[in-house]
Amino acid sequence: MKLERPTQTRSLFPEGVLNQTAYERLQAGQLKEAIELFKVNIEAYPNSANAYDSLGDGTRRRAERQRASIFAESARASARRQARRTVQELISTERRRKARKTESDRARQIVCLALRPVRDYSGSANT
């Protein structure tokens, strides 16, 4: 089954809701159904470390240790990618903030210079 990926403006379903439903199936001993739900969650949210980790939990429960370790590694890789994106966003935000501050400081300096009283250096006395 192939699903359309969610976008910023629309989503198929909240990731957490499907994950919780899958865990409920897992707790009830319905391993096959739980694993299928975890797989659907990964299809819809391929960048979610939590979705891969949950699928790892399901396969581990089914005693598929090799597959579980593959999903655990996918979860770690996804978490690393998300962390890198977050750091890049923070760096970008900080650079924009510094640029705005620099522009603001420069504008303040220009205004201060423009408002300074003008001195007469011509040597003639103003009385």
PDB file of N, CA and C in Angstrom:
ATOM      1  N   MET A   1       0.845  -1.171   0.000  1.00  0.00           N
ATOM      2  CA  MET A   1       0.000   0.000   0.000  1.00  0.00           C
ATOM      3  C   MET A   1       0.897   1.242   0.000  1.00  0.00           C
ATOM      4  N   LYS A   2       0.700   2.123  -0.964  1.00  0.00           N
ATOM      5  CA  LYS A   2       1.486   3.339  -1.084  1.00  0.00           C
ATOM      6  C   LYS A   2       0.619   4.524  -0.677  1.00  0.00           C
ATOM      7  N   LEU A   3       1.121   5.356   0.222  1.00  0.00           N
ATOM      8  CA  LEU A   3       0.377   6.514   0.713  1.00  0.00           C
ATOM      9  C   LEU A   3       1.051   7.790   0.247  1.00  0.00           C
ATOM     10  N   GLU A   4       0.249   8.838   0.117  1.00  0.00           N
ATOM     11  CA  GLU A   4       0.836  10.148  -0.161  1.00  0.00           C
ATOM     12  C   GLU A   4       1.444  10.667   1.128  1.00  0.00           C
ATOM     13  N   ARG A   5       2.589  11.304   1.004  1.00  0.00           N
ATOM     14  CA  ARG A   5       3.237  11.859   2.184  1.00  0.00           C
ATOM     15  C   ARG A   5       2.483  13.105   2.661  1.00  0.00           C
ATOM     16  N   PRO A   6       2.430  13.314   3.978  1.00  0.00           N
ATOM     17  CA  PRO A   6       1.787  14.527   4.489  1.00  0.00           C
ATOM     18  C   PRO A   6       2.624  15.747   4.134  1.00  0.00           C
ATOM     19  N   THR A   7       1.983  16.883   4.056  1.00  0.00           N
ATOM     20  CA  THR A   7       2.689  18.124   3.785  1.00  0.00           C
ATOM     21  C   THR A   7       2.455  19.065   4.948  1.00  0.00           C
ATOM     22  N   GLN A   8       3.036  20.255   4.847  1.00  0.00           N
ATOM     23  CA  GLN A   8       2.857  21.251   5.903  1.00  0.00           C
ATOM     24  C   GLN A   8       1.386  21.633   6.051  1.00  0.00           C
ATOM     25  N   THR A   9       0.648  21.637   4.946  1.00  0.00           N
ATOM     26  CA  THR A   9      -0.725  22.118   4.989  1.00  0.00           C
ATOM     27  C   THR A   9      -1.753  21.021   5.224  1.00  0.00           C
ATOM     28  N   ARG A  10      -1.378  19.768   4.988  1.00  0.00           N
ATOM     29  CA  ARG A  10      -2.328  18.689   5.223  1.00  0.00           C
ATOM     30  C   ARG A  10      -1.592  17.485   5.780  1.00  0.00           C
ATOM     31  N   SER A  11      -2.283  16.654   6.518  1.00  0.00           N
ATOM     32  CA  SER A  11      -1.682  15.417   6.984  1.00  0.00           C
ATOM     33  C   SER A  11      -2.741  14.328   6.926  1.00  0.00           C
ATOM     34  N   LEU A  12      -2.275  13.098   6.751  1.00  0.00           N
ATOM     35  CA  LEU A  12      -3.192  11.969   6.674  1.00  0.00           C
ATOM     36  C   LEU A  12      -3.813  11.702   8.042  1.00  0.00           C
ATOM     37  N   PHE A  13      -2.990  11.733   9.044  1.00  0.00           N
ATOM     38  CA  PHE A  13      -3.390  11.474  10.414  1.00  0.00           C
ATOM     39  C   PHE A  13      -2.219  11.906  11.283  1.00  0.00           C
ATOM     40  N   PRO A  14      -2.485  12.235  12.527  1.00  0.00           N
ATOM     41  CA  PRO A  14      -1.370  12.604  13.405  1.00  0.00           C
ATOM     42  C   PRO A  14      -0.484  11.384  13.681  1.00  0.00           C
ATOM     43  N   GLU A  15       0.798  11.592  13.610  1.00  0.00           N
ATOM     44  CA  GLU A  15       1.744  10.496  13.815  1.00  0.00           C
ATOM     45  C   GLU A  15       1.536   9.816  15.163  1.00  0.00           C
ATOM     46  N   GLY A  16       1.357  10.605  16.201  1.00  0.00           N
ATOM     47  CA  GLY A  16       1.219  10.052  17.553  1.00  0.00           C
ATOM     48  C   GLY A  16      -0.018   9.188  17.737  1.00  0.00           C
ATOM     49  N   VAL A  17      -1.110   9.558  17.058  1.00  0.00           N
ATOM     50  CA  VAL A  17      -2.354   8.790  17.187  1.00  0.00           C
ATOM     51  C   VAL A  17      -2.177   7.386  16.614  1.00  0.00           C
ATOM     52  N   LEU A  18      -1.601   7.304  15.432  1.00  0.00           N
ATOM     53  CA  LEU A  18      -1.393   5.992  14.830  1.00  0.00           C
ATOM     54  C   LEU A  18      -0.381   5.181  15.635  1.00  0.00           C
ATOM     55  N   ASN A  19       0.648   5.830  16.125  1.00  0.00           N
ATOM     56  CA  ASN A  19       1.651   5.149  16.931  1.00  0.00           C
ATOM     57  C   ASN A  19       1.010   4.561  18.196  1.00  0.00           C
ATOM     58  N   GLN A  20       0.168   5.346  18.844  1.00  0.00           N
ATOM     59  CA  GLN A  20      -0.513   4.873  20.056  1.00  0.00           C
ATOM     60  C   GLN A  20      -1.425   3.690  19.737  1.00  0.00           C
ATOM     61  N   THR A  21      -2.145   3.767  18.630  1.00  0.00           N
ATOM     62  CA  THR A  21      -3.032   2.675  18.215  1.00  0.00           C
ATOM     63  C   THR A  21      -2.215   1.399  17.973  1.00  0.00           C
ATOM     64  N   ALA A  22      -1.063   1.547  17.343  1.00  0.00           N
ATOM     65  CA  ALA A  22      -0.202   0.389  17.081  1.00  0.00           C
ATOM     66  C   ALA A  22       0.303  -0.213  18.390  1.00  0.00           C
ATOM     67  N   TYR A  23       0.690   0.634  19.340  1.00  0.00           N
ATOM     68  CA  TYR A  23       1.144   0.121  20.633  1.00  0.00           C
ATOM     69  C   TYR A  23       0.011  -0.593  21.382  1.00  0.00           C
ATOM     70  N   GLU A  24      -1.207  -0.089  21.247  1.00  0.00           N
ATOM     71  CA  GLU A  24      -2.349  -0.773  21.877  1.00  0.00           C
ATOM     72  C   GLU A  24      -2.513  -2.169  21.291  1.00  0.00           C
ATOM     73  N   ARG A  25      -2.342  -2.297  19.965  1.00  0.00           N
ATOM     74  CA  ARG A  25      -2.407  -3.616  19.319  1.00  0.00           C
ATOM     75  C   ARG A  25      -1.275  -4.507  19.826  1.00  0.00           C
ATOM     76  N   LEU A  26      -0.098  -3.917  19.978  1.00  0.00           N
ATOM     77  CA  LEU A  26       1.060  -4.659  20.460  1.00  0.00           C
ATOM     78  C   LEU A  26       0.800  -5.208  21.866  1.00  0.00           C
ATOM     79  N   GLN A  27       0.243  -4.359  22.728  1.00  0.00           N
ATOM     80  CA  GLN A  27      -0.069  -4.779  24.106  1.00  0.00           C
ATOM     81  C   GLN A  27      -1.129  -5.880  24.127  1.00  0.00           C
ATOM     82  N   ALA A  28      -2.034  -5.848  23.164  1.00  0.00           N
ATOM     83  CA  ALA A  28      -3.105  -6.846  23.100  1.00  0.00           C
ATOM     84  C   ALA A  28      -2.627  -8.157  22.468  1.00  0.00           C
ATOM     85  N   GLY A  29      -1.342  -8.196  22.068  1.00  0.00           N
ATOM     86  CA  GLY A  29      -0.811  -9.416  21.474  1.00  0.00           C
ATOM     87  C   GLY A  29      -1.089  -9.547  19.984  1.00  0.00           C
ATOM     88  N   GLN A  30      -1.617  -8.495  19.363  1.00  0.00           N
ATOM     89  CA  GLN A  30      -1.892  -8.513  17.923  1.00  0.00           C
ATOM     90  C   GLN A  30      -0.661  -7.978  17.195  1.00  0.00           C
ATOM     91  N   LEU A  31       0.395  -8.785  17.210  1.00  0.00           N
ATOM     92  CA  LEU A  31       1.698  -8.337  16.716  1.00  0.00           C
ATOM     93  C   LEU A  31       1.688  -7.988  15.234  1.00  0.00           C
ATOM     94  N   LYS A  32       1.080  -8.822  14.428  1.00  0.00           N
ATOM     95  CA  LYS A  32       1.074  -8.576  12.983  1.00  0.00           C
ATOM     96  C   LYS A  32       0.391  -7.249  12.656  1.00  0.00           C
ATOM     97  N   GLU A  33      -0.782  -7.000  13.268  1.00  0.00           N
ATOM     98  CA  GLU A  33      -1.504  -5.747  13.017  1.00  0.00           C
ATOM     99  C   GLU A  33      -0.701  -4.540  13.508  1.00  0.00           C
ATOM    100  N   ALA A  34      -0.074  -4.697  14.688  1.00  0.00           N
ATOM    101  CA  ALA A  34       0.720  -3.596  15.240  1.00  0.00           C
ATOM    102  C   ALA A  34       1.871  -3.238  14.301  1.00  0.00           C
ATOM    103  N   ILE A  35       2.561  -4.254  13.817  1.00  0.00           N
ATOM    104  CA  ILE A  35       3.696  -4.006  12.924  1.00  0.00           C
ATOM    105  C   ILE A  35       3.235  -3.349  11.629  1.00  0.00           C
ATOM    106  N   GLU A  36       2.104  -3.768  11.107  1.00  0.00           N
ATOM    107  CA  GLU A  36       1.575  -3.136   9.893  1.00  0.00           C
ATOM    108  C   GLU A  36       1.256  -1.658  10.145  1.00  0.00           C
ATOM    109  N   LEU A  37       0.688  -1.340  11.305  1.00  0.00           N
ATOM    110  CA  LEU A  37       0.397   0.062  11.633  1.00  0.00           C
ATOM    111  C   LEU A  37       1.693   0.867  11.776  1.00  0.00           C
ATOM    112  N   PHE A  38       2.704   0.264  12.409  1.00  0.00           N
ATOM    113  CA  PHE A  38       3.992   0.957  12.525  1.00  0.00           C
ATOM    114  C   PHE A  38       4.574   1.236  11.138  1.00  0.00           C
ATOM    115  N   LYS A  39       4.440   0.278  10.221  1.00  0.00           N
ATOM    116  CA  LYS A  39       4.956   0.456   8.858  1.00  0.00           C
ATOM    117  C   LYS A  39       4.216   1.574   8.122  1.00  0.00           C
ATOM    118  N   VAL A  40       2.898   1.657   8.320  1.00  0.00           N
ATOM    119  CA  VAL A  40       2.119   2.738   7.701  1.00  0.00           C
ATOM    120  C   VAL A  40       2.602   4.086   8.246  1.00  0.00           C
ATOM    121  N   ASN A  41       2.893   4.138   9.542  1.00  0.00           N
ATOM    122  CA  ASN A  41       3.378   5.378  10.151  1.00  0.00           C
ATOM    123  C   ASN A  41       4.714   5.800   9.538  1.00  0.00           C
ATOM    124  N   ILE A  42       5.595   4.831   9.285  1.00  0.00           N
ATOM    125  CA  ILE A  42       6.878   5.145   8.647  1.00  0.00           C
ATOM    126  C   ILE A  42       6.661   5.628   7.216  1.00  0.00           C
ATOM    127  N   GLU A  43       5.725   5.023   6.526  1.00  0.00           N
ATOM    128  CA  GLU A  43       5.419   5.439   5.149  1.00  0.00           C
ATOM    129  C   GLU A  43       4.942   6.894   5.133  1.00  0.00           C
ATOM    130  N   ALA A  44       4.125   7.244   6.106  1.00  0.00           N
ATOM    131  CA  ALA A  44       3.587   8.609   6.162  1.00  0.00           C
ATOM    132  C   ALA A  44       4.589   9.606   6.729  1.00  0.00           C
ATOM    133  N   TYR A  45       5.425   9.160   7.663  1.00  0.00           N
ATOM    134  CA  TYR A  45       6.388  10.042   8.335  1.00  0.00           C
ATOM    135  C   TYR A  45       7.789   9.436   8.252  1.00  0.00           C
ATOM    136  N   PRO A  46       8.396   9.426   7.060  1.00  0.00           N
ATOM    137  CA  PRO A  46       9.689   8.745   6.869  1.00  0.00           C
ATOM    138  C   PRO A  46      10.850   9.396   7.611  1.00  0.00           C
ATOM    139  N   ASN A  47      10.714  10.612   8.073  1.00  0.00           N
ATOM    140  CA  ASN A  47      11.797  11.282   8.800  1.00  0.00           C
ATOM    141  C   ASN A  47      11.646  11.187  10.308  1.00  0.00           C
ATOM    142  N   SER A  48      10.661  10.437  10.766  1.00  0.00           N
ATOM    143  CA  SER A  48      10.398  10.344  12.196  1.00  0.00           C
ATOM    144  C   SER A  48      11.227   9.241  12.844  1.00  0.00           C
ATOM    145  N   ALA A  49      12.118   9.635  13.733  1.00  0.00           N
ATOM    146  CA  ALA A  49      12.901   8.649  14.480  1.00  0.00           C
ATOM    147  C   ALA A  49      11.973   7.802  15.342  1.00  0.00           C
ATOM    148  N   ASN A  50      10.937   8.420  15.900  1.00  0.00           N
ATOM    149  CA  ASN A  50      10.006   7.701  16.764  1.00  0.00           C
ATOM    150  C   ASN A  50       9.289   6.586  16.006  1.00  0.00           C
ATOM    151  N   ALA A  51       8.918   6.829  14.756  1.00  0.00           N
ATOM    152  CA  ALA A  51       8.221   5.807  13.973  1.00  0.00           C
ATOM    153  C   ALA A  51       9.112   4.585  13.754  1.00  0.00           C
ATOM    154  N   TYR A  52      10.381   4.810  13.434  1.00  0.00           N
ATOM    155  CA  TYR A  52      11.307   3.689  13.244  1.00  0.00           C
ATOM    156  C   TYR A  52      11.566   2.960  14.561  1.00  0.00           C
ATOM    157  N   ASP A  53      11.712   3.727  15.635  1.00  0.00           N
ATOM    158  CA  ASP A  53      11.946   3.129  16.942  1.00  0.00           C
ATOM    159  C   ASP A  53      10.765   2.241  17.340  1.00  0.00           C
ATOM    160  N   SER A  54       9.562   2.718  17.079  1.00  0.00           N
ATOM    161  CA  SER A  54       8.367   1.946  17.414  1.00  0.00           C
ATOM    162  C   SER A  54       8.295   0.656  16.608  1.00  0.00           C
ATOM    163  N   LEU A  55       8.623   0.735  15.314  1.00  0.00           N
ATOM    164  CA  LEU A  55       8.638  -0.479  14.498  1.00  0.00           C
ATOM    165  C   LEU A  55       9.693  -1.452  15.035  1.00  0.00           C
ATOM    166  N   GLY A  56      10.804  -0.919  15.494  1.00  0.00           N
ATOM    167  CA  GLY A  56      11.826  -1.757  16.128  1.00  0.00           C
ATOM    168  C   GLY A  56      11.273  -2.457  17.354  1.00  0.00           C
ATOM    169  N   ASP A  57      10.483  -1.737  18.170  1.00  0.00           N
ATOM    170  CA  ASP A  57       9.847  -2.358  19.337  1.00  0.00           C
ATOM    171  C   ASP A  57       8.940  -3.505  18.925  1.00  0.00           C
ATOM    172  N   GLY A  58       8.171  -3.293  17.884  1.00  0.00           N
ATOM    173  CA  GLY A  58       7.244  -4.324  17.419  1.00  0.00           C
ATOM    174  C   GLY A  58       7.964  -5.553  16.904  1.00  0.00           C
ATOM    175  N   THR A  59       9.000  -5.344  16.105  1.00  0.00           N
ATOM    176  CA  THR A  59       9.715  -6.500  15.562  1.00  0.00           C
ATOM    177  C   THR A  59      10.512  -7.209  16.654  1.00  0.00           C
ATOM    178  N   ARG A  60      10.997  -6.458  17.627  1.00  0.00           N
ATOM    179  CA  ARG A  60      11.705  -7.076  18.750  1.00  0.00           C
ATOM    180  C   ARG A  60      10.747  -7.973  19.528  1.00  0.00           C
ATOM    181  N   ARG A  61       9.525  -7.512  19.686  1.00  0.00           N
ATOM    182  CA  ARG A  61       8.513  -8.286  20.403  1.00  0.00           C
ATOM    183  C   ARG A  61       8.223  -9.587  19.670  1.00  0.00           C
ATOM    184  N   ARG A  62       8.341  -9.555  18.345  1.00  0.00           N
ATOM    185  CA  ARG A  62       8.108 -10.744  17.537  1.00  0.00           C
ATOM    186  C   ARG A  62       9.367 -11.610  17.433  1.00  0.00           C
ATOM    187  N   ALA A  63      10.380 -11.261  18.215  1.00  0.00           N
ATOM    188  CA  ALA A  63      11.645 -12.004  18.260  1.00  0.00           C
ATOM    189  C   ALA A  63      12.394 -11.949  16.931  1.00  0.00           C
ATOM    190  N   GLU A  64      12.224 -10.854  16.197  1.00  0.00           N
ATOM    191  CA  GLU A  64      12.982 -10.649  14.964  1.00  0.00           C
ATOM    192  C   GLU A  64      14.097  -9.664  15.276  1.00  0.00           C
ATOM    193  N   ARG A  65      15.063 -10.136  16.039  1.00  0.00           N
ATOM    194  CA  ARG A  65      16.104  -9.251  16.574  1.00  0.00           C
ATOM    195  C   ARG A  65      16.927  -8.556  15.486  1.00  0.00           C
ATOM    196  N   GLN A  66      17.239  -9.255  14.411  1.00  0.00           N
ATOM    197  CA  GLN A  66      18.040  -8.638  13.346  1.00  0.00           C
ATOM    198  C   GLN A  66      17.282  -7.482  12.702  1.00  0.00           C
ATOM    199  N   ARG A  67      16.012  -7.706  12.377  1.00  0.00           N
ATOM    200  CA  ARG A  67      15.213  -6.625  11.789  1.00  0.00           C
ATOM    201  C   ARG A  67      15.016  -5.501  12.797  1.00  0.00           C
ATOM    202  N   ALA A  68      14.831  -5.850  14.059  1.00  0.00           N
ATOM    203  CA  ALA A  68      14.654  -4.829  15.093  1.00  0.00           C
ATOM    204  C   ALA A  68      15.883  -3.932  15.180  1.00  0.00           C
ATOM    205  N   SER A  69      17.067  -4.527  15.091  1.00  0.00           N
ATOM    206  CA  SER A  69      18.279  -3.702  15.173  1.00  0.00           C
ATOM    207  C   SER A  69      18.407  -2.809  13.942  1.00  0.00           C
ATOM    208  N   ILE A  70      17.933  -3.275  12.791  1.00  0.00           N
ATOM    209  CA  ILE A  70      17.949  -2.433  11.579  1.00  0.00           C
ATOM    210  C   ILE A  70      17.041  -1.222  11.780  1.00  0.00           C
ATOM    211  N   PHE A  71      15.849  -1.453  12.339  1.00  0.00           N
ATOM    212  CA  PHE A  71      14.934  -0.334  12.570  1.00  0.00           C
ATOM    213  C   PHE A  71      15.471   0.605  13.652  1.00  0.00           C
ATOM    214  N   ALA A  72      16.137   0.038  14.650  1.00  0.00           N
ATOM    215  CA  ALA A  72      16.730   0.888  15.691  1.00  0.00           C
ATOM    216  C   ALA A  72      17.805   1.788  15.080  1.00  0.00           C
ATOM    217  N   GLU A  73      18.606   1.231  14.177  1.00  0.00           N
ATOM    218  CA  GLU A  73      19.627   2.045  13.511  1.00  0.00           C
ATOM    219  C   GLU A  73      18.979   3.113  12.631  1.00  0.00           C
ATOM    220  N   SER A  74      17.884   2.761  11.959  1.00  0.00           N
ATOM    221  CA  SER A  74      17.159   3.754  11.156  1.00  0.00           C
ATOM    222  C   SER A  74      16.630   4.873  12.040  1.00  0.00           C
ATOM    223  N   ALA A  75      16.170   4.509  13.233  1.00  0.00           N
ATOM    224  CA  ALA A  75      15.674   5.523  14.176  1.00  0.00           C
ATOM    225  C   ALA A  75      16.807   6.450  14.591  1.00  0.00           C
ATOM    226  N   ARG A  76      17.964   5.880  14.884  1.00  0.00           N
ATOM    227  CA  ARG A  76      19.111   6.715  15.274  1.00  0.00           C
ATOM    228  C   ARG A  76      19.540   7.630  14.127  1.00  0.00           C
ATOM    229  N   ALA A  77      19.567   7.098  12.920  1.00  0.00           N
ATOM    230  CA  ALA A  77      19.963   7.908  11.759  1.00  0.00           C
ATOM    231  C   ALA A  77      18.970   9.044  11.535  1.00  0.00           C
ATOM    232  N   SER A  78      17.690   8.720  11.662  1.00  0.00           N
ATOM    233  CA  SER A  78      16.667   9.748  11.490  1.00  0.00           C
ATOM    234  C   SER A  78      16.790  10.825  12.570  1.00  0.00           C
ATOM    235  N   ALA A  79      17.054  10.405  13.793  1.00  0.00           N
ATOM    236  CA  ALA A  79      17.217  11.369  14.890  1.00  0.00           C
ATOM    237  C   ALA A  79      18.435  12.263  14.640  1.00  0.00           C
ATOM    238  N   ARG A  80      19.514  11.674  14.126  1.00  0.00           N
ATOM    239  CA  ARG A  80      20.709  12.483  13.809  1.00  0.00           C
ATOM    240  C   ARG A  80      20.411  13.499  12.717  1.00  0.00           C
ATOM    241  N   ARG A  81      19.681  13.064  11.673  1.00  0.00           N
ATOM    242  CA  ARG A  81      19.326  13.998  10.586  1.00  0.00           C
ATOM    243  C   ARG A  81      18.473  15.143  11.130  1.00  0.00           C
ATOM    244  N   GLN A  82      17.499  14.797  11.970  1.00  0.00           N
ATOM    245  CA  GLN A  82      16.624  15.830  12.538  1.00  0.00           C
ATOM    246  C   GLN A  82      17.431  16.779  13.428  1.00  0.00           C
ATOM    247  N   ALA A  83      18.365  16.243  14.187  1.00  0.00           N
ATOM    248  CA  ALA A  83      19.203  17.093  15.040  1.00  0.00           C
ATOM    249  C   ALA A  83      20.040  18.039  14.198  1.00  0.00           C
ATOM    250  N   ARG A  84      20.610  17.525  13.084  1.00  0.00           N
ATOM    251  CA  ARG A  84      21.395  18.400  12.194  1.00  0.00           C
ATOM    252  C   ARG A  84      20.528  19.508  11.612  1.00  0.00           C
ATOM    253  N   ARG A  85      19.298  19.147  11.182  1.00  0.00           N
ATOM    254  CA  ARG A  85      18.397  20.174  10.634  1.00  0.00           C
ATOM    255  C   ARG A  85      18.067  21.219  11.688  1.00  0.00           C
ATOM    256  N   THR A  86      17.831  20.773  12.919  1.00  0.00           N
ATOM    257  CA  THR A  86      17.505  21.703  13.998  1.00  0.00           C
ATOM    258  C   THR A  86      18.674  22.635  14.274  1.00  0.00           C
ATOM    259  N   VAL A  87      19.884  22.090  14.326  1.00  0.00           N
ATOM    260  CA  VAL A  87      21.067  22.917  14.560  1.00  0.00           C
ATOM    261  C   VAL A  87      21.233  23.925  13.430  1.00  0.00           C
ATOM    262  N   GLN A  88      21.067  23.483  12.187  1.00  0.00           N
ATOM    263  CA  GLN A  88      21.188  24.397  11.045  1.00  0.00           C
ATOM    264  C   GLN A  88      20.152  25.512  11.125  1.00  0.00           C
ATOM    265  N   GLU A  89      18.922  25.167  11.521  1.00  0.00           N
ATOM    266  CA  GLU A  89      17.879  26.192  11.658  1.00  0.00           C
ATOM    267  C   GLU A  89      18.246  27.186  12.750  1.00  0.00           C
ATOM    268  N   LEU A  90      18.792  26.694  13.873  1.00  0.00           N
ATOM    269  CA  LEU A  90      19.197  27.581  14.962  1.00  0.00           C
ATOM    270  C   LEU A  90      20.333  28.506  14.536  1.00  0.00           C
ATOM    271  N   ILE A  91      21.302  27.954  13.821  1.00  0.00           N
ATOM    272  CA  ILE A  91      22.420  28.766  13.330  1.00  0.00           C
ATOM    273  C   ILE A  91      21.913  29.840  12.372  1.00  0.00           C
ATOM    274  N   SER A  92      21.034  29.442  11.469  1.00  0.00           N
ATOM    275  CA  SER A  92      20.479  30.384  10.500  1.00  0.00           C
ATOM    276  C   SER A  92      19.695  31.489  11.210  1.00  0.00           C
ATOM    277  N   THR A  93      18.892  31.105  12.186  1.00  0.00           N
ATOM    278  CA  THR A  93      18.111  32.082  12.949  1.00  0.00           C
ATOM    279  C   THR A  93      19.026  33.048  13.686  1.00  0.00           C
ATOM    280  N   GLU A  94      20.088  32.530  14.291  1.00  0.00           N
ATOM    281  CA  GLU A  94      21.035  33.377  15.024  1.00  0.00           C
ATOM    282  C   GLU A  94      21.750  34.338  14.083  1.00  0.00           C
ATOM    283  N   ARG A  95      22.124  33.868  12.890  1.00  0.00           N
ATOM    284  CA  ARG A  95      22.773  34.749  11.914  1.00  0.00           C
ATOM    285  C   ARG A  95      21.845  35.877  11.494  1.00  0.00           C
ATOM    286  N   ARG A  96      20.563  35.540  11.246  1.00  0.00           N
ATOM    287  CA  ARG A  96      19.594  36.582  10.866  1.00  0.00           C
ATOM    288  C   ARG A  96      19.406  37.586  12.004  1.00  0.00           C
ATOM    289  N   ARG A  97      19.364  37.090  13.251  1.00  0.00           N
ATOM    290  CA  ARG A  97      19.196  37.974  14.402  1.00  0.00           C
ATOM    291  C   ARG A  97      20.385  38.923  14.520  1.00  0.00           C
ATOM    292  N   LYS A  98      21.610  38.398  14.345  1.00  0.00           N
ATOM    293  CA  LYS A  98      22.804  39.248  14.422  1.00  0.00           C
ATOM    294  C   LYS A  98      22.823  40.276  13.302  1.00  0.00           C
ATOM    295  N   ALA A  99      22.406  39.864  12.107  1.00  0.00           N
ATOM    296  CA  ALA A  99      22.380  40.800  10.974  1.00  0.00           C
ATOM    297  C   ALA A  99      21.391  41.931  11.249  1.00  0.00           C
ATOM    298  N   ARG A 100      20.215  41.585  11.787  1.00  0.00           N
ATOM    299  CA  ARG A 100      19.226  42.624  12.110  1.00  0.00           C
ATOM    300  C   ARG A 100      19.762  43.564  13.181  1.00  0.00           C
ATOM    301  N   LYS A 101      20.447  43.004  14.190  1.00  0.00           N
ATOM    302  CA  LYS A 101      21.007  43.828  15.259  1.00  0.00           C
ATOM    303  C   LYS A 101      22.069  44.762  14.687  1.00  0.00           C
ATOM    304  N   THR A 102      22.926  44.266  13.816  1.00  0.00           N
ATOM    305  CA  THR A 102      23.958  45.088  13.198  1.00  0.00           C
ATOM    306  C   THR A 102      23.328  46.214  12.391  1.00  0.00           C
ATOM    307  N   GLU A 103      22.304  45.891  11.610  1.00  0.00           N
ATOM    308  CA  GLU A 103      21.600  46.918  10.826  1.00  0.00           C
ATOM    309  C   GLU A 103      20.961  47.945  11.746  1.00  0.00           C
ATOM    310  N   SER A 104      20.365  47.483  12.816  1.00  0.00           N
ATOM    311  CA  SER A 104      19.708  48.376  13.770  1.00  0.00           C
ATOM    312  C   SER A 104      20.733  49.287  14.449  1.00  0.00           C
ATOM    313  N   ASP A 105      21.872  48.720  14.859  1.00  0.00           N
ATOM    314  CA  ASP A 105      22.927  49.527  15.489  1.00  0.00           C
ATOM    315  C   ASP A 105      23.454  50.587  14.529  1.00  0.00           C
ATOM    316  N   ARG A 106      23.647  50.196  13.273  1.00  0.00           N
ATOM    317  CA  ARG A 106      24.153  51.141  12.279  1.00  0.00           C
ATOM    318  C   ARG A 106      23.141  52.262  12.036  1.00  0.00           C
ATOM    319  N   ALA A 107      21.874  51.917  11.948  1.00  0.00           N
ATOM    320  CA  ALA A 107      20.829  52.929  11.757  1.00  0.00           C
ATOM    321  C   ALA A 107      20.805  53.894  12.952  1.00  0.00           C
ATOM    322  N   ARG A 108      20.968  53.375  14.151  1.00  0.00           N
ATOM    323  CA  ARG A 108      20.987  54.205  15.356  1.00  0.00           C
ATOM    324  C   ARG A 108      22.175  55.173  15.316  1.00  0.00           C
ATOM    325  N   GLN A 109      23.333  54.698  14.861  1.00  0.00           N
ATOM    326  CA  GLN A 109      24.502  55.564  14.743  1.00  0.00           C
ATOM    327  C   GLN A 109      24.261  56.688  13.743  1.00  0.00           C
ATOM    328  N   ILE A 110      23.646  56.360  12.626  1.00  0.00           N
ATOM    329  CA  ILE A 110      23.360  57.368  11.595  1.00  0.00           C
ATOM    330  C   ILE A 110      22.403  58.421  12.137  1.00  0.00           C
ATOM    331  N   VAL A 111      21.380  57.980  12.846  1.00  0.00           N
ATOM    332  CA  VAL A 111      20.415  58.928  13.422  1.00  0.00           C
ATOM    333  C   VAL A 111      21.108  59.831  14.431  1.00  0.00           C
ATOM    334  N   CYS A 112      21.948  59.259  15.277  1.00  0.00           N
ATOM    335  CA  CYS A 112      22.673  60.072  16.267  1.00  0.00           C
ATOM    336  C   CYS A 112      23.559  61.107  15.588  1.00  0.00           C
ATOM    337  N   LEU A 113      24.247  60.703  14.523  1.00  0.00           N
ATOM    338  CA  LEU A 113      25.096  61.648  13.787  1.00  0.00           C
ATOM    339  C   LEU A 113      24.252  62.744  13.140  1.00  0.00           C
ATOM    340  N   ALA A 114      23.111  62.379  12.611  1.00  0.00           N
ATOM    341  CA  ALA A 114      22.254  63.359  11.936  1.00  0.00           C
ATOM    342  C   ALA A 114      21.674  64.361  12.924  1.00  0.00           C
ATOM    343  N   LEU A 115      21.465  63.951  14.156  1.00  0.00           N
ATOM    344  CA  LEU A 115      20.848  64.841  15.144  1.00  0.00           C
ATOM    345  C   LEU A 115      21.861  65.668  15.933  1.00  0.00           C
ATOM    346  N   ARG A 116      23.151  65.418  15.753  1.00  0.00           N
ATOM    347  CA  ARG A 116      24.170  66.191  16.450  1.00  0.00           C
ATOM    348  C   ARG A 116      24.135  67.647  15.994  1.00  0.00           C
ATOM    349  N   PRO A 117      24.386  68.520  16.927  1.00  0.00           N
ATOM    350  CA  PRO A 117      24.473  69.925  16.512  1.00  0.00           C
ATOM    351  C   PRO A 117      25.696  70.141  15.616  1.00  0.00           C
ATOM    352  N   VAL A 118      25.538  71.005  14.652  1.00  0.00           N
ATOM    353  CA  VAL A 118      26.617  71.294  13.715  1.00  0.00           C
ATOM    354  C   VAL A 118      27.480  72.402  14.311  1.00  0.00           C
ATOM    355  N   ARG A 119      28.794  72.199  14.291  1.00  0.00           N
ATOM    356  CA  ARG A 119      29.716  73.211  14.818  1.00  0.00           C
ATOM    357  C   ARG A 119      30.230  74.063  13.662  1.00  0.00           C
ATOM    358  N   ASP A 120      30.454  75.277  13.978  1.00  0.00           N
ATOM    359  CA  ASP A 120      30.978  76.184  12.969  1.00  0.00           C
ATOM    360  C   ASP A 120      32.497  76.229  13.120  1.00  0.00           C
ATOM    361  N   TYR A 121      33.215  75.652  12.154  1.00  0.00           N
ATOM    362  CA  TYR A 121      34.672  75.614  12.194  1.00  0.00           C
ATOM    363  C   TYR A 121      35.285  76.662  11.272  1.00  0.00           C
ATOM    364  N   SER A 122      34.482  77.588  10.786  1.00  0.00           N
ATOM    365  CA  SER A 122      34.992  78.552   9.827  1.00  0.00           C
ATOM    366  C   SER A 122      35.862  79.632  10.483  1.00  0.00           C
ATOM    367  N   GLY A 123      35.823  79.702  11.770  1.00  0.00           N
ATOM    368  CA  GLY A 123      36.618  80.708  12.465  1.00  0.00           C
ATOM    369  C   GLY A 123      35.859  81.977  12.735  1.00  0.00           C
ATOM    370  N   SER A 124      34.704  82.141  12.111  1.00  0.00           N
ATOM    371  CA  SER A 124      33.921  83.343  12.391  1.00  0.00           C
ATOM    372  C   SER A 124      33.091  83.095  13.642  1.00  0.00           C
ATOM    373  N   ALA A 125      32.922  84.107  14.404  1.00  0.00           N
ATOM    374  CA  ALA A 125      32.189  83.995  15.669  1.00  0.00           C
ATOM    375  C   ALA A 125      30.713  84.154  15.413  1.00  0.00           C
ATOM    376  N   ASN A 126      29.919  83.254  15.922  1.00  0.00           N
ATOM    377  CA  ASN A 126      28.453  83.355  15.835  1.00  0.00           C
ATOM    378  C   ASN A 126      27.948  83.922  17.136  1.00  0.00           C
ATOM    379  N   THR A 127      27.428  85.088  17.095  1.00  0.00           N
ATOM    380  CA  THR A 127      26.894  85.711  18.309  1.00  0.00           C
ATOM    381  C   THR A 127      25.488  86.116  18.125  1.00  0.00           C
TER     382      THR A 127
END
